[in-house]
Protein backbone atom coordinates (compact mmCIF):
# COMPACT_ATOMS: atom_id res chain seq x y z
CA MET A 1 38.12 -24.97 -18.91
CA ARG A 2 36.65 -26.34 -15.72
CA GLU A 3 37.78 -23.28 -13.76
CA ALA A 4 36.14 -20.91 -16.24
CA SER A 5 32.84 -22.74 -15.96
CA ILE A 6 33.01 -22.59 -12.16
CA LEU A 7 33.61 -18.84 -12.27
CA ALA A 8 30.80 -18.38 -14.81
CA PHE A 9 28.47 -20.31 -12.50
CA ALA A 10 29.55 -18.15 -9.55
CA LEU A 11 28.90 -14.98 -11.58
CA LEU A 12 25.43 -16.16 -12.62
CA ALA A 13 24.66 -17.23 -9.05
CA GLY A 14 25.71 -13.79 -7.85
CA ILE A 15 23.45 -12.08 -10.40
CA LEU A 16 20.54 -14.22 -9.23
CA LEU A 17 21.35 -13.53 -5.57
CA GLY A 18 21.61 -9.79 -6.15
CA THR A 19 18.36 -9.75 -8.07
CA ILE A 20 16.55 -11.67 -5.32
CA PHE A 21 18.14 -9.63 -2.51
CA TYR A 22 17.48 -6.17 -3.94
CA GLY A 23 14.19 -7.16 -5.54
CA GLY A 24 13.13 -8.44 -2.13
CA LEU A 25 14.24 -5.16 -0.56
CA TRP A 26 12.15 -3.19 -3.07
CA TRP A 27 9.15 -5.47 -2.46
CA THR A 28 9.54 -5.24 1.34
CA ILE A 29 9.66 -1.45 1.29
CA ARG A 30 6.59 -1.24 -0.94
CA ARG A 31 4.62 -3.68 1.25
CA SER A 32 5.69 -2.10 4.54
CA ALA A 33 4.59 1.37 3.45
CA SER A 34 0.93 0.34 3.73
CA SER A 35 1.30 -2.07 6.64
CA LYS A 36 0.43 -1.59 10.29
CA ASN A 37 3.48 -3.65 11.33
CA LEU A 38 6.27 -1.66 9.71
CA GLY A 39 8.98 -2.98 12.01
CA ALA A 40 8.00 -6.60 11.49
CA TRP A 41 8.17 -6.22 7.70
CA LEU A 42 11.53 -4.46 7.76
CA VAL A 43 13.24 -6.71 10.31
CA GLY A 44 11.73 -9.92 8.95
CA GLY A 45 12.59 -9.01 5.37
CA PHE A 46 16.15 -8.13 6.32
CA LEU A 47 16.70 -11.34 8.27
CA LEU A 48 15.33 -13.46 5.44
CA ARG A 49 17.35 -11.68 2.75
CA ALA A 50 20.57 -11.57 4.78
CA THR A 51 20.36 -15.24 5.74
CA MET A 52 19.75 -16.23 2.13
CA ALA A 53 22.61 -14.07 0.83
CA VAL A 54 25.23 -15.10 3.40
CA SER A 55 24.48 -18.80 3.16
CA SER A 56 24.46 -18.67 -0.64
CA PHE A 57 27.79 -16.81 -0.73
CA TYR A 58 29.21 -19.48 1.56
CA LEU A 59 27.98 -22.30 -0.69
CA VAL A 60 29.15 -20.67 -3.92
CA ALA A 61 32.61 -19.70 -2.60
CA ARG A 62 33.71 -23.26 -1.72
CA ASP A 63 37.00 -22.06 -0.20
CA ASP A 64 38.03 -20.23 -3.38
CA TRP A 65 38.41 -16.47 -3.29
CA ARG A 66 37.95 -16.20 -7.07
CA SER A 67 34.51 -17.80 -6.89
CA LEU A 68 33.61 -15.48 -4.04
CA ALA A 69 34.81 -12.46 -6.05
CA ALA A 70 32.83 -13.57 -9.13
CA CYS A 71 29.72 -14.07 -6.99
CA LEU A 72 30.16 -10.64 -5.42
CA LEU A 73 30.56 -9.06 -8.87
CA GLY A 74 27.37 -10.78 -9.99
CA PHE A 75 25.63 -9.58 -6.82
CA LEU A 76 26.53 -5.99 -7.72
CA ILE A 77 25.34 -6.51 -11.30
CA GLY A 78 22.02 -7.77 -9.90
CA ARG A 79 21.78 -4.65 -7.76
CA ILE A 80 22.31 -2.41 -10.76
CA ALA A 81 19.72 -4.34 -12.76
CA VAL A 82 17.06 -4.12 -10.03
CA THR A 83 17.79 -0.43 -9.49
CA TRP A 84 17.42 0.22 -13.20
CA LEU A 85 14.22 -1.85 -13.52
CA THR A 86 12.45 -0.36 -10.49
CA ARG A 87 13.28 3.31 -11.00
CA ALA A 88 10.51 5.86 -11.29
CA PRO A 89 9.63 7.17 -14.74
CA PRO A 90 11.70 10.27 -15.61
CA ASP A 91 8.68 12.58 -15.83
CA THR A 92 7.45 11.65 -12.33
CA LYS A 93 8.67 13.90 -9.54
CA THR A 94 8.46 13.12 -5.87
CA ARG A 95 6.52 15.33 -3.51
CA PHE A 96 9.81 16.53 -2.04
CA ALA A 97 11.14 17.60 -5.44
CA GLN A 98 7.88 19.45 -6.16
CA GLY A 99 8.17 21.38 -2.90
CA THR A 100 4.94 20.09 -1.31
CA VAL A 101 6.64 18.52 1.70
CA PRO A 102 7.11 20.88 4.65
């Protein structure tokens, strides 16, 4: 029973990590598009997100590969959720798809 609760915690932690990581990526890209310091936004956002993700994976794993695998699975679930939540409406086409980009 204790092992199942540890794996459930690792899965939930992974979902939270994935949501924060990919949500932060989406936010960084949107903010950097209108910024004068594009490189600073991209590099700073990556360093912050990567540091948070790696250190959190290290803390959640606790020398157990099953906890690490559950956290990674949750991370991927978080990615899918953020991708689904931040997608463009289906009737909106990009300029490239409309043929207006040279």
